[in-house]
């Protein structure tokens, strides 16, 4: 805590002004007004997916504008609280003002992070795929644990999610899963999570209770939009249909509604089984395939630029984080060096500090 609250408040006001210079609240208000007019048009609701996109974006803009206005108000109120505490020698009021100033500093730091998200696709929603690596049943269990971490993180922030596909392992856990986090800037926020996540713990599946190391690969993609123009000719894909299934192989559908699409030129395979309709599942699987092809195109372009710069390839995205539950408790990011001993909180989705450190690291690396 600064010895002079007035100067700290002045710094936070200046920081908020610089953040607003990037976010442009006036442009946000104009966009929100336009979206409000669109949402009032009954014809919009003939396309439920488009209507949901409009209402989701409007909700986000309203929340962000309310957040900025609230920060201005709270900064003013905190300054007044300090003045009252000083003039009346009121220690309880001073303690309350100090607590609020600490909270405001933390919120402002989180808001500053948003201004670093200026990549081409950073404002997009995120599509996350997790695949079990080496480690047998423990890796499948760890893959399911990682999915829970991201879904809990999204839940904590009030972000909508949708699980598109899950392939269950025979003994326990899942072999792979694909899901969307439907919030603006979800891709820019989470793209640093791309890479291999290593878990070390006492195995649940070893009758001798030995320590096991297992791995899972996290892939983070931007959700495609109409402007992306990813053309996929019909003769370049193979579509297979099958019956959706849950844990233990029990059918959740009585018809062959699940869809698997193979992109023949690249060998990319995607599937979707979350809808009752085969048509809906195919449309969702095609959207996932488009996201993967968009990311492949982006990586090819980045590789060419790296060659020109003398960098043979991406310098991040392999093993990125260790989660150790035995013989000690520690989660550590191998790039940013951020770490915590509070593994229970991390396993319950409290990963904001890791994410913020990643965003700053990616920015510092020009990525």
Protein backbone atom coordinates (compact mmCIF):
# COMPACT_ATOMS: atom_id res chain seq x y z
CA UNK A 1 0.00 0.00 0.00
CA UNK A 2 1.38 3.42 -0.94
CA UNK A 3 1.97 5.79 1.98
CA UNK A 4 -0.02 8.46 0.12
CA UNK A 5 -3.47 7.15 -0.93
CA UNK A 6 -4.17 10.33 -2.93
CA UNK A 7 -1.19 9.72 -5.22
CA UNK A 8 -2.12 6.03 -5.63
CA UNK A 9 -5.68 6.98 -6.57
CA UNK A 10 -4.30 9.54 -9.06
CA UNK A 11 -2.14 6.78 -10.62
CA UNK A 12 -5.15 4.46 -10.90
CA UNK A 13 -7.20 7.24 -12.54
CA UNK A 14 -4.39 7.78 -15.07
CA UNK A 15 -4.19 4.01 -15.69
CA UNK A 16 -7.95 3.85 -16.26
CA UNK A 17 -7.70 6.70 -18.76
CA UNK A 18 -4.97 4.86 -20.71
CA UNK A 19 -7.02 1.65 -20.66
CA UNK A 20 -10.07 3.52 -21.98
CA UNK A 21 -7.94 5.03 -24.74
CA UNK A 22 -7.40 1.46 -25.98
CA UNK A 23 -10.88 0.04 -25.29
CA UNK A 24 -12.70 3.14 -26.65
CA UNK A 25 -15.91 3.24 -24.55
CA UNK A 26 -17.60 5.62 -27.05
CA UNK A 27 -17.22 3.06 -29.84
CA UNK A 28 -18.45 0.36 -27.46
CA UNK A 29 -21.59 2.39 -26.68
CA UNK A 30 -22.31 2.93 -30.39
CA UNK A 31 -21.89 -0.79 -31.08
CA UNK A 32 -24.12 -1.67 -28.12
CA UNK A 33 -26.83 0.68 -29.35
CA UNK A 34 -26.68 -0.85 -32.82
CA UNK A 35 -26.91 -4.37 -31.38
CA UNK A 36 -29.85 -3.32 -29.19
CA UNK A 37 -31.71 -2.19 -32.30
CA UNK A 38 -30.91 -5.49 -34.04
CA UNK A 39 -32.09 -7.53 -31.04
CA UNK A 40 -35.41 -5.66 -31.09
CA UNK A 41 -36.00 -6.75 -34.71
CA UNK A 42 -38.26 -9.86 -34.65
CA UNK A 43 -36.73 -11.16 -37.89
CA UNK A 44 -33.38 -11.67 -36.12
CA UNK A 45 -34.86 -14.52 -34.12
CA UNK A 46 -35.54 -16.56 -37.25
CA UNK A 47 -31.83 -17.40 -37.02
CA UNK A 48 -31.34 -18.53 -33.38
CA UNK A 49 -27.56 -18.88 -33.72
CA UNK A 50 -27.16 -15.33 -35.04
CA UNK A 51 -29.57 -14.05 -32.38
CA UNK A 52 -27.51 -15.69 -29.64
CA UNK A 53 -24.34 -14.15 -31.05
CA UNK A 54 -25.94 -10.68 -31.03
CA UNK A 55 -27.30 -11.00 -27.49
CA UNK A 56 -24.01 -12.47 -26.19
CA UNK A 57 -22.00 -9.59 -27.68
CA UNK A 58 -24.50 -7.02 -26.35
CA UNK A 59 -24.35 -8.55 -22.88
CA UNK A 60 -20.55 -8.40 -22.97
CA UNK A 61 -20.47 -4.74 -24.06
CA UNK A 62 -23.03 -3.71 -21.42
CA UNK A 63 -21.02 -5.51 -18.74
CA UNK A 64 -17.73 -3.92 -19.84
CA UNK A 65 -19.23 -0.44 -19.95
CA UNK A 66 -20.80 -0.94 -16.52
CA UNK A 67 -17.42 -2.14 -15.24
CA UNK A 68 -15.64 0.99 -16.51
CA UNK A 69 -18.32 3.31 -15.12
CA UNK A 70 -18.21 1.42 -11.81
CA UNK A 71 -14.43 1.85 -11.57
CA UNK A 72 -14.75 5.61 -12.08
CA UNK A 73 -17.41 5.80 -9.38
CA UNK A 74 -15.48 3.62 -6.93
CA UNK A 75 -12.29 5.65 -7.39
CA UNK A 76 -14.20 8.86 -6.61
CA UNK A 77 -15.91 7.26 -3.61
CA UNK A 78 -12.61 5.91 -2.26
CA UNK A 79 -10.99 9.36 -2.48
CA UNK A 80 -13.91 10.80 -0.51
CA UNK A 81 -13.64 8.03 2.11
CA UNK A 82 -9.96 8.86 2.71
CA UNK A 83 -10.81 12.57 3.04
CA UNK A 84 -13.55 11.79 5.59
CA UNK A 85 -11.27 9.45 7.52
CA UNK A 86 -8.56 12.12 7.72
CA UNK A 87 -10.88 14.98 8.68
CA UNK A 88 -12.66 12.97 11.40
CA UNK A 89 -9.77 10.70 12.45
CA UNK A 90 -12.03 7.75 11.68
CA UNK A 91 -9.82 4.62 11.63
CA UNK A 92 -12.59 2.13 10.64
CA UNK A 93 -13.40 4.25 7.58
CA UNK A 94 -9.68 4.46 6.71
CA UNK A 95 -9.33 0.66 6.92
CA UNK A 96 -12.38 0.24 4.68
CA UNK A 97 -10.94 2.75 2.18
CA UNK A 98 -7.58 0.91 2.18
CA UNK A 99 -9.31 -2.41 1.48
CA UNK A 100 -11.23 -0.86 -1.41
CA UNK A 101 -8.05 0.72 -2.82
CA UNK A 102 -6.29 -2.67 -2.76
CA UNK A 103 -9.27 -4.25 -4.56
CA UNK A 104 -9.29 -1.45 -7.14
CA UNK A 105 -5.55 -1.91 -7.81
CA UNK A 106 -6.10 -5.63 -8.47
CA UNK A 107 -9.07 -5.00 -10.78
CA UNK A 108 -7.17 -2.35 -12.70
CA UNK A 109 -4.28 -4.76 -13.25
CA UNK A 110 -6.71 -7.34 -14.68
CA UNK A 111 -8.24 -4.68 -16.94
CA UNK A 112 -4.79 -3.65 -18.16
CA UNK A 113 -4.23 -7.23 -19.30
CA UNK A 114 -7.14 -6.84 -21.75
CA UNK A 115 -5.32 -4.02 -23.52
CA UNK A 116 -2.48 -6.45 -24.33
CA UNK A 117 -4.84 -8.66 -26.38
CA UNK A 118 -4.33 -7.11 -29.78
CA UNK A 119 -3.60 -10.19 -31.93
CA UNK A 120 -5.54 -10.84 -35.12
CA UNK A 121 -7.90 -13.37 -33.51
CA UNK A 122 -7.60 -12.38 -29.83
CA UNK A 123 -11.16 -11.00 -29.63
CA UNK A 124 -12.64 -14.35 -30.72
CA UNK A 125 -14.34 -17.01 -28.67
CA UNK A 126 -12.14 -20.04 -27.92
CA UNK A 127 -12.32 -23.65 -29.07
CA UNK A 128 -10.36 -25.99 -26.79
CA UNK A 129 -9.36 -29.58 -27.52
CA UNK A 130 -7.63 -31.76 -24.92
CA UNK A 131 -6.04 -35.11 -25.78
CA UNK A 132 -4.59 -37.68 -23.41
CA UNK A 133 -0.87 -38.34 -23.90
CA UNK A 134 1.50 -40.83 -22.27
CA UNK A 135 0.39 -42.25 -18.93
CA UNK A 136 -2.40 -44.74 -19.61
CA UNK A 137 -5.44 -44.50 -17.32
CA UNK A 138 -3.80 -41.70 -15.33
CA UNK A 139 -3.44 -39.61 -18.50
CA UNK A 140 -7.11 -40.16 -19.35
CA UNK A 141 -8.07 -39.17 -15.79
CA UNK A 142 -5.78 -36.10 -16.03
CA UNK A 143 -7.40 -35.11 -19.35
CA UNK A 144 -10.79 -35.12 -17.64
CA UNK A 145 -9.29 -33.10 -14.77
CA UNK A 146 -7.93 -30.48 -17.18
CA UNK A 147 -11.32 -30.15 -18.84
CA UNK A 148 -12.85 -29.52 -15.42
CA UNK A 149 -10.23 -26.83 -14.69
CA UNK A 150 -11.17 -24.85 -17.83
CA UNK A 151 -14.92 -25.33 -17.43
CA UNK A 152 -14.70 -24.23 -13.77
CA UNK A 153 -12.58 -21.22 -14.82
CA UNK A 154 -15.25 -20.24 -17.35
CA UNK A 155 -18.00 -20.76 -14.77
CA UNK A 156 -16.19 -18.52 -12.27
CA UNK A 157 -16.17 -15.74 -14.89
CA UNK A 158 -19.78 -16.28 -15.98
CA UNK A 159 -18.76 -17.44 -19.48
CA UNK A 160 -21.01 -19.79 -21.44
CA UNK A 161 -19.49 -23.11 -22.50
CA UNK A 162 -20.56 -25.94 -24.79
CA UNK A 163 -18.99 -29.40 -24.93
CA UNK A 164 -19.03 -30.62 -28.54
CA UNK A 165 -17.42 -34.01 -28.24
CA UNK A 166 -16.01 -36.39 -25.63
CA UNK A 167 -14.30 -39.71 -26.27
CA UNK A 168 -14.32 -41.79 -23.09
CA UNK A 169 -11.41 -44.05 -22.12
CA UNK A 170 -12.06 -47.69 -21.33
CA UNK A 171 -10.84 -47.77 -17.71
CA UNK A 172 -11.49 -44.21 -16.55
CA UNK A 173 -11.39 -40.59 -17.68
CA UNK A 174 -11.47 -39.41 -21.28
CA UNK A 175 -9.22 -39.87 -24.30
CA UNK A 176 -10.15 -36.54 -25.87
CA UNK A 177 -12.65 -33.70 -25.65
CA UNK A 178 -13.55 -30.55 -27.58
CA UNK A 179 -15.51 -27.64 -26.13
CA UNK A 180 -16.12 -23.94 -26.74
CA UNK A 181 -15.80 -21.04 -24.32
CA UNK A 182 -18.29 -18.51 -25.63
CA UNK A 183 -16.99 -15.16 -24.46
CA UNK A 184 -15.31 -12.28 -26.29
CA UNK A 185 -11.51 -12.41 -25.99
CA UNK A 186 -11.62 -16.01 -24.75
CA UNK A 187 -9.08 -17.03 -27.43
CA UNK A 188 -6.68 -14.17 -26.69
CA UNK A 189 -7.01 -14.85 -22.97
CA UNK A 190 -6.46 -18.61 -23.16
CA UNK A 191 -4.13 -19.10 -26.13
CA UNK A 192 -1.12 -19.29 -23.81
CA UNK A 193 -2.61 -22.51 -22.41
CA UNK A 194 -1.73 -24.26 -25.70
CA UNK A 195 0.81 -26.99 -25.05
CA UNK A 196 1.52 -30.10 -22.99
CA UNK A 197 0.45 -30.18 -19.34
CA UNK A 198 2.34 -32.66 -17.09
CA UNK A 199 0.80 -34.18 -13.95
CA UNK A 200 2.78 -35.98 -11.22
CA UNK A 201 0.84 -37.73 -8.44
CA UNK A 202 0.17 -41.04 -6.72
CA UNK A 203 -1.69 -43.16 -9.26
CA UNK A 204 -5.33 -44.00 -8.56
CA UNK A 205 -4.93 -47.01 -10.83
CA UNK A 206 -1.76 -48.60 -9.43
CA UNK A 207 -2.51 -51.13 -6.68
CA UNK A 208 0.95 -50.48 -5.23
CA UNK A 209 0.24 -46.75 -4.93
CA UNK A 210 3.27 -45.67 -6.92
CA UNK A 211 3.89 -42.19 -8.27
CA UNK A 212 2.82 -41.72 -11.90
CA UNK A 213 3.68 -39.02 -14.45
CA UNK A 214 1.06 -38.41 -17.12
CA UNK A 215 0.59 -35.92 -19.92
CA UNK A 216 -2.26 -34.17 -21.75
CA UNK A 217 -2.09 -31.87 -24.77
CA UNK A 218 -4.22 -28.70 -24.81
CA UNK A 219 -5.00 -27.11 -28.17
CA UNK A 220 -6.56 -23.61 -28.16
CA UNK A 221 -8.11 -22.27 -31.38
CA UNK A 222 -10.08 -19.15 -32.35
CA UNK A 223 -13.69 -19.83 -33.32
CA UNK A 224 -14.24 -19.17 -37.03
CA UNK A 225 -16.39 -16.31 -38.24
CA UNK A 226 -18.06 -15.67 -41.60
CA UNK A 227 -15.23 -13.32 -42.64
CA UNK A 228 -12.64 -16.11 -42.47
CA UNK A 229 -13.55 -17.72 -45.84
CA UNK A 230 -12.25 -21.22 -45.12
CA UNK A 231 -13.43 -23.12 -48.19
CA UNK A 232 -13.74 -26.90 -47.71
CA UNK A 233 -14.81 -28.71 -50.90
CA UNK A 234 -17.13 -31.68 -50.33
CA UNK A 235 -14.72 -34.04 -52.13
CA UNK A 236 -12.03 -33.23 -49.55
CA UNK A 237 -13.98 -34.59 -46.58
CA UNK A 238 -15.33 -37.97 -45.48
CA UNK A 239 -18.38 -37.93 -43.20
CA UNK A 240 -19.11 -40.89 -40.92
CA UNK A 241 -22.11 -41.18 -38.63
CA UNK A 242 -22.28 -43.25 -35.47
CA UNK A 243 -24.27 -43.60 -32.28
CA UNK A 244 -23.45 -41.20 -29.46
CA UNK A 245 -22.21 -42.85 -26.29
CA UNK A 246 -21.39 -41.95 -22.73
CA UNK A 247 -19.18 -43.45 -20.00
CA UNK A 248 -19.20 -47.24 -20.03
CA UNK A 249 -20.48 -47.32 -23.59
CA UNK A 250 -24.10 -46.70 -22.60
CA UNK A 251 -26.00 -45.09 -25.44
CA UNK A 252 -27.39 -41.64 -24.87
CA UNK A 253 -29.14 -41.66 -28.25
CA UNK A 254 -31.10 -44.33 -30.03
CA UNK A 255 -30.18 -43.09 -33.50
CA UNK A 256 -26.90 -42.66 -35.39
CA UNK A 257 -26.76 -38.88 -34.88
CA UNK A 258 -23.09 -38.36 -33.95
CA UNK A 259 -20.87 -37.17 -36.82
CA UNK A 260 -17.17 -37.65 -37.54
CA UNK A 261 -15.54 -35.63 -40.33
CA UNK A 262 -12.14 -36.46 -41.79
CA UNK A 263 -10.37 -33.77 -43.82
CA UNK A 264 -8.59 -35.92 -46.40
CA UNK A 265 -5.77 -33.53 -47.49
CA UNK A 266 -4.56 -32.93 -43.91
CA UNK A 267 -5.83 -35.98 -42.04
CA UNK A 268 -7.54 -33.78 -39.43
CA UNK A 269 -10.44 -35.62 -37.76
CA UNK A 270 -13.21 -33.89 -35.79
CA UNK A 271 -16.44 -35.18 -34.32
CA UNK A 272 -19.53 -33.88 -32.56
CA UNK A 273 -22.16 -35.77 -30.61
CA UNK A 274 -23.79 -33.18 -28.35
CA UNK A 275 -26.95 -32.61 -30.41
CA UNK A 276 -29.85 -34.96 -31.13
CA UNK A 277 -29.85 -33.96 -34.78
CA UNK A 278 -27.29 -35.35 -37.24
CA UNK A 279 -27.59 -32.14 -39.26
CA UNK A 280 -26.74 -30.00 -36.21
CA UNK A 281 -23.82 -32.23 -35.29
CA UNK A 282 -22.44 -32.03 -38.83
CA UNK A 283 -22.70 -28.22 -38.82
CA UNK A 284 -20.87 -28.02 -35.48
CA UNK A 285 -18.19 -30.50 -36.61
CA UNK A 286 -17.66 -28.44 -39.79
CA UNK A 287 -17.22 -25.30 -37.66
CA UNK A 288 -14.61 -27.09 -35.53
CA UNK A 289 -12.81 -28.29 -38.69
CA UNK A 290 -12.80 -24.75 -40.06
CA UNK A 291 -11.22 -23.49 -36.80
CA UNK A 292 -8.49 -26.12 -37.05
CA UNK A 293 -7.79 -25.26 -40.70
CA UNK A 294 -7.77 -21.54 -39.86
CA UNK A 295 -5.19 -22.16 -37.12
CA UNK A 296 -3.11 -24.34 -39.48
CA UNK A 297 -3.16 -21.50 -42.03
CA UNK A 298 -2.12 -19.00 -39.35
CA UNK A 299 0.73 -21.26 -38.19
CA UNK A 300 1.99 -21.70 -41.76
CA UNK A 301 2.05 -17.92 -42.19
CA UNK A 302 3.82 -17.52 -38.82
CA UNK A 303 6.38 -20.20 -39.80
CA UNK A 304 7.22 -18.28 -42.98
CA UNK A 305 7.71 -15.09 -40.98
CA UNK A 306 9.88 -16.96 -38.46
CA UNK A 307 12.06 -18.25 -41.29
CA UNK A 308 12.56 -14.68 -42.48
CA UNK A 309 13.45 -13.67 -38.92
CA UNK A 310 15.86 -16.60 -38.58
CA UNK A 311 13.63 -18.42 -36.07
CA UNK A 312 13.08 -21.96 -37.31
CA UNK A 313 9.76 -22.44 -35.57
CA UNK A 314 7.45 -21.59 -32.70
CA UNK A 315 9.43 -21.23 -29.49
CA UNK A 316 6.51 -22.14 -27.25
CA UNK A 317 3.73 -24.68 -27.15
CA UNK A 318 5.49 -27.89 -26.09
CA UNK A 319 5.54 -28.77 -22.37
CA UNK A 320 4.38 -25.64 -20.63
CA UNK A 321 3.28 -26.48 -17.08
CA UNK A 322 3.96 -29.00 -14.32
CA UNK A 323 1.31 -29.98 -11.79
CA UNK A 324 2.94 -31.87 -8.90
CA UNK A 325 0.68 -33.35 -6.20
CA UNK A 326 3.29 -35.75 -4.75
CA UNK A 327 5.75 -35.73 -2.98
CA UNK A 328 5.06 -31.99 -2.60
CA UNK A 329 2.31 -29.61 -3.81
CA UNK A 330 3.26 -27.21 -6.60
CA UNK A 331 2.03 -25.97 -9.97
CA UNK A 332 4.64 -24.16 -12.05
CA UNK A 333 4.63 -22.62 -15.53
CA UNK A 334 7.88 -23.40 -17.30
CA UNK A 335 7.90 -20.21 -19.42
CA UNK A 336 6.80 -17.49 -17.03
CA UNK A 337 8.15 -19.24 -13.90
CA UNK A 338 4.90 -18.34 -12.11
CA UNK A 339 4.08 -20.98 -9.49
CA UNK A 340 1.79 -21.69 -6.56
CA UNK A 341 1.56 -24.28 -3.82
CA UNK A 342 -2.23 -23.98 -3.71
CA UNK A 343 -2.85 -26.93 -6.02
CA UNK A 344 -6.43 -27.45 -4.80
CA UNK A 345 -7.40 -23.97 -6.03
CA UNK A 346 -5.76 -24.58 -9.42
CA UNK A 347 -7.56 -27.91 -9.83
CA UNK A 348 -10.80 -26.03 -9.14
CA UNK A 349 -10.22 -23.54 -11.95
CA UNK A 350 -8.35 -20.72 -10.21
CA UNK A 351 -5.80 -20.14 -12.97
CA UNK A 352 -6.12 -16.39 -13.62
CA UNK A 353 -2.61 -15.63 -12.32
CA UNK A 354 -1.13 -18.20 -14.71
CA UNK A 355 -3.18 -16.81 -17.61
CA UNK A 356 -2.18 -13.19 -16.91
CA UNK A 357 1.50 -14.14 -16.66
CA UNK A 358 1.18 -16.00 -19.98
CA UNK A 359 -0.38 -13.01 -21.73
CA UNK A 360 2.44 -10.74 -20.56
CA UNK A 361 5.04 -13.38 -21.58
CA UNK A 362 3.55 -13.88 -25.05
CA UNK A 363 3.49 -10.12 -25.57
CA UNK A 364 7.14 -9.82 -24.46
CA UNK A 365 8.10 -12.56 -26.96
CA UNK A 366 6.27 -10.83 -29.81
CA UNK A 367 3.81 -13.74 -30.05
